[in-house]
Amino acid sequence: MQDKLNQLMTEYYVTFEELSVRLGVSKRTLTRKMKGDLDWTYPEISLLMQIFNIQDPITFFYEDKE
């Protein structure tokens, strides 16, 4: 998940700090969510879908590339 979000942040020119502000979470909380230590809320998933134009949240959030 962290790699996927980092890639999108680079692609869409969104900084880590900007993303935390747009999601309404602290940078520490965002770090924990990206690492998988905390679950994403539905409103956060909806915002991520809008910010990064994610068409299929199930695939994005639940399928790992291996």
PDB file of N, CA and C in Angstrom:
ATOM      1  N   MET A   1       0.825  -1.198   0.000  1.00  0.00           N
ATOM      2  CA  MET A   1       0.000   0.000   0.000  1.00  0.00           C
ATOM      3  C   MET A   1       0.866   1.258   0.000  1.00  0.00           C
ATOM      4  N   GLN A   2       1.889   1.239   0.805  1.00  0.00           N
ATOM      5  CA  GLN A   2       2.759   2.407   0.904  1.00  0.00           C
ATOM      6  C   GLN A   2       3.396   2.714  -0.450  1.00  0.00           C
ATOM      7  N   ASP A   3       3.852   1.683  -1.147  1.00  0.00           N
ATOM      8  CA  ASP A   3       4.474   1.880  -2.451  1.00  0.00           C
ATOM      9  C   ASP A   3       3.468   2.425  -3.466  1.00  0.00           C
ATOM     10  N   LYS A   4       2.248   1.900  -3.421  1.00  0.00           N
ATOM     11  CA  LYS A   4       1.213   2.363  -4.349  1.00  0.00           C
ATOM     12  C   LYS A   4       0.914   3.844  -4.125  1.00  0.00           C
ATOM     13  N   LEU A   5       0.757   4.235  -2.870  1.00  0.00           N
ATOM     14  CA  LEU A   5       0.450   5.639  -2.575  1.00  0.00           C
ATOM     15  C   LEU A   5       1.628   6.549  -2.898  1.00  0.00           C
ATOM     16  N   ASN A   6       2.839   6.100  -2.598  1.00  0.00           N
ATOM     17  CA  ASN A   6       4.009   6.908  -2.940  1.00  0.00           C
ATOM     18  C   ASN A   6       4.097   7.141  -4.447  1.00  0.00           C
ATOM     19  N   GLN A   7       3.792   6.115  -5.213  1.00  0.00           N
ATOM     20  CA  GLN A   7       3.810   6.238  -6.673  1.00  0.00           C
ATOM     21  C   GLN A   7       2.761   7.249  -7.136  1.00  0.00           C
ATOM     22  N   LEU A   8       1.554   7.170  -6.581  1.00  0.00           N
ATOM     23  CA  LEU A   8       0.499   8.114  -6.953  1.00  0.00           C
ATOM     24  C   LEU A   8       0.837   9.532  -6.514  1.00  0.00           C
ATOM     25  N   MET A   9       1.427   9.679  -5.349  1.00  0.00           N
ATOM     26  CA  MET A   9       1.809  11.003  -4.869  1.00  0.00           C
ATOM     27  C   MET A   9       2.821  11.639  -5.823  1.00  0.00           C
ATOM     28  N   THR A  10       3.753  10.847  -6.318  1.00  0.00           N
ATOM     29  CA  THR A  10       4.727  11.346  -7.286  1.00  0.00           C
ATOM     30  C   THR A  10       4.036  11.696  -8.597  1.00  0.00           C
ATOM     31  N   GLU A  11       3.182  10.810  -9.064  1.00  0.00           N
ATOM     32  CA  GLU A  11       2.483  11.007 -10.338  1.00  0.00           C
ATOM     33  C   GLU A  11       1.588  12.249 -10.322  1.00  0.00           C
ATOM     34  N   TYR A  12       0.926  12.497  -9.185  1.00  0.00           N
ATOM     35  CA  TYR A  12      -0.014  13.615  -9.080  1.00  0.00           C
ATOM     36  C   TYR A  12       0.591  14.845  -8.387  1.00  0.00           C
ATOM     37  N   TYR A  13       1.891  14.792  -8.096  1.00  0.00           N
ATOM     38  CA  TYR A  13       2.593  15.916  -7.458  1.00  0.00           C
ATOM     39  C   TYR A  13       1.943  16.343  -6.138  1.00  0.00           C
ATOM     40  N   VAL A  14       1.617  15.352  -5.309  1.00  0.00           N
ATOM     41  CA  VAL A  14       1.019  15.607  -4.001  1.00  0.00           C
ATOM     42  C   VAL A  14       2.070  15.279  -2.935  1.00  0.00           C
ATOM     43  N   THR A  15       2.376  16.244  -2.082  1.00  0.00           N
ATOM     44  CA  THR A  15       3.340  15.991  -1.019  1.00  0.00           C
ATOM     45  C   THR A  15       2.684  15.224   0.115  1.00  0.00           C
ATOM     46  N   PHE A  16       3.520  14.626   0.936  1.00  0.00           N
ATOM     47  CA  PHE A  16       3.033  13.884   2.096  1.00  0.00           C
ATOM     48  C   PHE A  16       2.247  14.804   3.019  1.00  0.00           C
ATOM     49  N   GLU A  17       2.787  15.991   3.257  1.00  0.00           N
ATOM     50  CA  GLU A  17       2.116  16.949   4.139  1.00  0.00           C
ATOM     51  C   GLU A  17       0.772  17.383   3.548  1.00  0.00           C
ATOM     52  N   GLU A  18       0.747  17.643   2.245  1.00  0.00           N
ATOM     53  CA  GLU A  18      -0.502  18.038   1.593  1.00  0.00           C
ATOM     54  C   GLU A  18      -1.549  16.935   1.710  1.00  0.00           C
ATOM     55  N   LEU A  19      -1.115  15.692   1.517  1.00  0.00           N
ATOM     56  CA  LEU A  19      -2.059  14.583   1.605  1.00  0.00           C
ATOM     57  C   LEU A  19      -2.623  14.454   3.015  1.00  0.00           C
ATOM     58  N   SER A  20      -1.787  14.622   4.019  1.00  0.00           N
ATOM     59  CA  SER A  20      -2.284  14.520   5.392  1.00  0.00           C
ATOM     60  C   SER A  20      -3.303  15.615   5.683  1.00  0.00           C
ATOM     61  N   VAL A  21      -3.055  16.823   5.179  1.00  0.00           N
ATOM     62  CA  VAL A  21      -3.999  17.924   5.370  1.00  0.00           C
ATOM     63  C   VAL A  21      -5.304  17.638   4.649  1.00  0.00           C
ATOM     64  N   ARG A  22      -5.208  17.193   3.405  1.00  0.00           N
ATOM     65  CA  ARG A  22      -6.430  16.927   2.620  1.00  0.00           C
ATOM     66  C   ARG A  22      -7.267  15.805   3.218  1.00  0.00           C
ATOM     67  N   LEU A  23      -6.595  14.839   3.868  1.00  0.00           N
ATOM     68  CA  LEU A  23      -7.323  13.739   4.508  1.00  0.00           C
ATOM     69  C   LEU A  23      -7.769  14.080   5.922  1.00  0.00           C
ATOM     70  N   GLY A  24      -7.225  15.159   6.480  1.00  0.00           N
ATOM     71  CA  GLY A  24      -7.600  15.564   7.829  1.00  0.00           C
ATOM     72  C   GLY A  24      -6.991  14.693   8.911  1.00  0.00           C
ATOM     73  N   VAL A  25      -5.797  14.164   8.640  1.00  0.00           N
ATOM     74  CA  VAL A  25      -5.106  13.336   9.632  1.00  0.00           C
ATOM     75  C   VAL A  25      -3.699  13.884   9.841  1.00  0.00           C
ATOM     76  N   SER A  26      -3.106  13.529  10.967  1.00  0.00           N
ATOM     77  CA  SER A  26      -1.731  13.960  11.219  1.00  0.00           C
ATOM     78  C   SER A  26      -0.785  13.183  10.310  1.00  0.00           C
ATOM     79  N   LYS A  27       0.431  13.707  10.167  1.00  0.00           N
ATOM     80  CA  LYS A  27       1.429  13.014   9.355  1.00  0.00           C
ATOM     81  C   LYS A  27       1.762  11.654   9.967  1.00  0.00           C
ATOM     82  N   ARG A  28       1.784  11.587  11.279  1.00  0.00           N
ATOM     83  CA  ARG A  28       2.061  10.309  11.953  1.00  0.00           C
ATOM     84  C   ARG A  28       0.956   9.291  11.653  1.00  0.00           C
ATOM     85  N   THR A  29      -0.288   9.739  11.726  1.00  0.00           N
ATOM     86  CA  THR A  29      -1.412   8.848  11.425  1.00  0.00           C
ATOM     87  C   THR A  29      -1.355   8.391   9.977  1.00  0.00           C
ATOM     88  N   LEU A  30      -1.051   9.301   9.065  1.00  0.00           N
ATOM     89  CA  LEU A  30      -0.958   8.931   7.654  1.00  0.00           C
ATOM     90  C   LEU A  30       0.141   7.896   7.444  1.00  0.00           C
ATOM     91  N   THR A  31       1.270   8.077   8.103  1.00  0.00           N
ATOM     92  CA  THR A  31       2.355   7.099   8.006  1.00  0.00           C
ATOM     93  C   THR A  31       1.882   5.729   8.458  1.00  0.00           C
ATOM     94  N   ARG A  32       1.181   5.685   9.576  1.00  0.00           N
ATOM     95  CA  ARG A  32       0.690   4.405  10.110  1.00  0.00           C
ATOM     96  C   ARG A  32      -0.339   3.762   9.188  1.00  0.00           C
ATOM     97  N   LYS A  33      -1.181   4.577   8.563  1.00  0.00           N
ATOM     98  CA  LYS A  33      -2.165   4.044   7.619  1.00  0.00           C
ATOM     99  C   LYS A  33      -1.478   3.492   6.373  1.00  0.00           C
ATOM    100  N   MET A  34      -0.491   4.217   5.877  1.00  0.00           N
ATOM    101  CA  MET A  34       0.215   3.773   4.673  1.00  0.00           C
ATOM    102  C   MET A  34       0.987   2.480   4.923  1.00  0.00           C
ATOM    103  N   LYS A  35       1.496   2.298   6.131  1.00  0.00           N
ATOM    104  CA  LYS A  35       2.226   1.080   6.475  1.00  0.00           C
ATOM    105  C   LYS A  35       1.289  -0.094   6.779  1.00  0.00           C
ATOM    106  N   GLY A  36       0.005   0.200   6.948  1.00  0.00           N
ATOM    107  CA  GLY A  36      -0.957  -0.852   7.260  1.00  0.00           C
ATOM    108  C   GLY A  36      -1.161  -1.072   8.740  1.00  0.00           C
ATOM    109  N   ASP A  37      -0.599  -0.182   9.570  1.00  0.00           N
ATOM    110  CA  ASP A  37      -0.777  -0.309  11.017  1.00  0.00           C
ATOM    111  C   ASP A  37      -2.148   0.172  11.479  1.00  0.00           C
ATOM    112  N   LEU A  38      -2.765   1.050  10.706  1.00  0.00           N
ATOM    113  CA  LEU A  38      -4.117   1.546  10.981  1.00  0.00           C
ATOM    114  C   LEU A  38      -4.975   1.352   9.738  1.00  0.00           C
ATOM    115  N   ASP A  39      -6.245   1.097   9.953  1.00  0.00           N
ATOM    116  CA  ASP A  39      -7.174   0.929   8.835  1.00  0.00           C
ATOM    117  C   ASP A  39      -7.619   2.290   8.301  1.00  0.00           C
ATOM    118  N   TRP A  40      -7.936   2.320   7.019  1.00  0.00           N
ATOM    119  CA  TRP A  40      -8.487   3.514   6.383  1.00  0.00           C
ATOM    120  C   TRP A  40      -9.976   3.575   6.671  1.00  0.00           C
ATOM    121  N   THR A  41     -10.510   4.773   6.885  1.00  0.00           N
ATOM    122  CA  THR A  41     -11.959   4.943   7.055  1.00  0.00           C
ATOM    123  C   THR A  41     -12.596   5.122   5.683  1.00  0.00           C
ATOM    124  N   TYR A  42     -13.896   4.936   5.615  1.00  0.00           N
ATOM    125  CA  TYR A  42     -14.590   5.114   4.344  1.00  0.00           C
ATOM    126  C   TYR A  42     -14.412   6.535   3.793  1.00  0.00           C
ATOM    127  N   PRO A  43     -14.566   7.575   4.630  1.00  0.00           N
ATOM    128  CA  PRO A  43     -14.342   8.932   4.102  1.00  0.00           C
ATOM    129  C   PRO A  43     -12.914   9.137   3.565  1.00  0.00           C
ATOM    130  N   GLU A  44     -11.928   8.544   4.216  1.00  0.00           N
ATOM    131  CA  GLU A  44     -10.550   8.667   3.731  1.00  0.00           C
ATOM    132  C   GLU A  44     -10.375   7.955   2.394  1.00  0.00           C
ATOM    133  N   ILE A  45     -10.966   6.783   2.269  1.00  0.00           N
ATOM    134  CA  ILE A  45     -10.896   6.050   1.001  1.00  0.00           C
ATOM    135  C   ILE A  45     -11.563   6.857  -0.099  1.00  0.00           C
ATOM    136  N   SER A  46     -12.705   7.452   0.204  1.00  0.00           N
ATOM    137  CA  SER A  46     -13.405   8.283  -0.793  1.00  0.00           C
ATOM    138  C   SER A  46     -12.545   9.463  -1.228  1.00  0.00           C
ATOM    139  N   LEU A  47     -11.884  10.116  -0.275  1.00  0.00           N
ATOM    140  CA  LEU A  47     -11.002  11.239  -0.620  1.00  0.00           C
ATOM    141  C   LEU A  47      -9.818  10.784  -1.454  1.00  0.00           C
ATOM    142  N   LEU A  48      -9.207   9.666  -1.091  1.00  0.00           N
ATOM    143  CA  LEU A  48      -8.090   9.139  -1.881  1.00  0.00           C
ATOM    144  C   LEU A  48      -8.527   8.832  -3.307  1.00  0.00           C
ATOM    145  N   MET A  49      -9.733   8.290  -3.454  1.00  0.00           N
ATOM    146  CA  MET A  49     -10.252   7.997  -4.791  1.00  0.00           C
ATOM    147  C   MET A  49     -10.383   9.268  -5.617  1.00  0.00           C
ATOM    148  N   GLN A  50     -10.830  10.347  -4.994  1.00  0.00           N
ATOM    149  CA  GLN A  50     -10.973  11.626  -5.692  1.00  0.00           C
ATOM    150  C   GLN A  50      -9.616  12.248  -6.004  1.00  0.00           C
ATOM    151  N   ILE A  51      -8.747  12.294  -5.019  1.00  0.00           N
ATOM    152  CA  ILE A  51      -7.445  12.937  -5.172  1.00  0.00           C
ATOM    153  C   ILE A  51      -6.627  12.260  -6.266  1.00  0.00           C
ATOM    154  N   PHE A  52      -6.638  10.921  -6.281  1.00  0.00           N
ATOM    155  CA  PHE A  52      -5.782  10.165  -7.188  1.00  0.00           C
ATOM    156  C   PHE A  52      -6.536   9.477  -8.318  1.00  0.00           C
ATOM    157  N   ASN A  53      -7.805   9.809  -8.484  1.00  0.00           N
ATOM    158  CA  ASN A  53      -8.603   9.239  -9.570  1.00  0.00           C
ATOM    159  C   ASN A  53      -8.541   7.710  -9.582  1.00  0.00           C
ATOM    160  N   ILE A  54      -8.753   7.111  -8.414  1.00  0.00           N
ATOM    161  CA  ILE A  54      -8.741   5.655  -8.283  1.00  0.00           C
ATOM    162  C   ILE A  54     -10.105   5.136  -8.727  1.00  0.00           C
ATOM    163  N   GLN A  55     -10.105   4.290  -9.756  1.00  0.00           N
ATOM    164  CA  GLN A  55     -11.356   3.779 -10.308  1.00  0.00           C
ATOM    165  C   GLN A  55     -11.870   2.536  -9.591  1.00  0.00           C
ATOM    166  N   ASP A  56     -10.953   1.710  -9.094  1.00  0.00           N
ATOM    167  CA  ASP A  56     -11.337   0.453  -8.456  1.00  0.00           C
ATOM    168  C   ASP A  56     -10.691   0.358  -7.072  1.00  0.00           C
ATOM    169  N   PRO A  57     -11.378   0.840  -6.042  1.00  0.00           N
ATOM    170  CA  PRO A  57     -10.777   0.844  -4.703  1.00  0.00           C
ATOM    171  C   PRO A  57     -10.506  -0.549  -4.148  1.00  0.00           C
ATOM    172  N   ILE A  58     -11.303  -1.528  -4.514  1.00  0.00           N
ATOM    173  CA  ILE A  58     -11.087  -2.880  -4.008  1.00  0.00           C
ATOM    174  C   ILE A  58      -9.730  -3.388  -4.469  1.00  0.00           C
ATOM    175  N   THR A  59      -9.466  -3.257  -5.751  1.00  0.00           N
ATOM    176  CA  THR A  59      -8.176  -3.685  -6.284  1.00  0.00           C
ATOM    177  C   THR A  59      -7.048  -2.871  -5.684  1.00  0.00           C
ATOM    178  N   PHE A  60      -7.231  -1.565  -5.588  1.00  0.00           N
ATOM    179  CA  PHE A  60      -6.174  -0.704  -5.076  1.00  0.00           C
ATOM    180  C   PHE A  60      -5.834  -1.011  -3.626  1.00  0.00           C
ATOM    181  N   PHE A  61      -6.835  -1.139  -2.781  1.00  0.00           N
ATOM    182  CA  PHE A  61      -6.597  -1.292  -1.356  1.00  0.00           C
ATOM    183  C   PHE A  61      -6.365  -2.727  -0.904  1.00  0.00           C
ATOM    184  N   TYR A  62      -6.863  -3.692  -1.642  1.00  0.00           N
ATOM    185  CA  TYR A  62      -6.822  -5.058  -1.121  1.00  0.00           C
ATOM    186  C   TYR A  62      -6.034  -6.060  -1.929  1.00  0.00           C
ATOM    187  N   GLU A  63      -5.570  -5.702  -3.110  1.00  0.00           N
ATOM    188  CA  GLU A  63      -4.766  -6.640  -3.902  1.00  0.00           C
ATOM    189  C   GLU A  63      -3.347  -6.128  -3.974  1.00  0.00           C
ATOM    190  N   ASP A  64      -2.416  -6.949  -3.505  1.00  0.00           N
ATOM    191  CA  ASP A  64      -0.996  -6.585  -3.544  1.00  0.00           C
ATOM    192  C   ASP A  64      -0.363  -7.114  -4.821  1.00  0.00           C
ATOM    193  N   LYS A  65       0.588  -6.325  -5.345  1.00  0.00           N
ATOM    194  CA  LYS A  65       1.363  -6.808  -6.486  1.00  0.00           C
ATOM    195  C   LYS A  65       2.503  -7.660  -5.943  1.00  0.00           C
ATOM    196  N   GLU A  66       2.567  -8.891  -6.353  1.00  0.00           N
ATOM    197  CA  GLU A  66       3.668  -9.767  -5.913  1.00  0.00           C
ATOM    198  C   GLU A  66       4.159 -10.571  -7.063  1.00  0.00           C
TER     199      GLU A  66
END
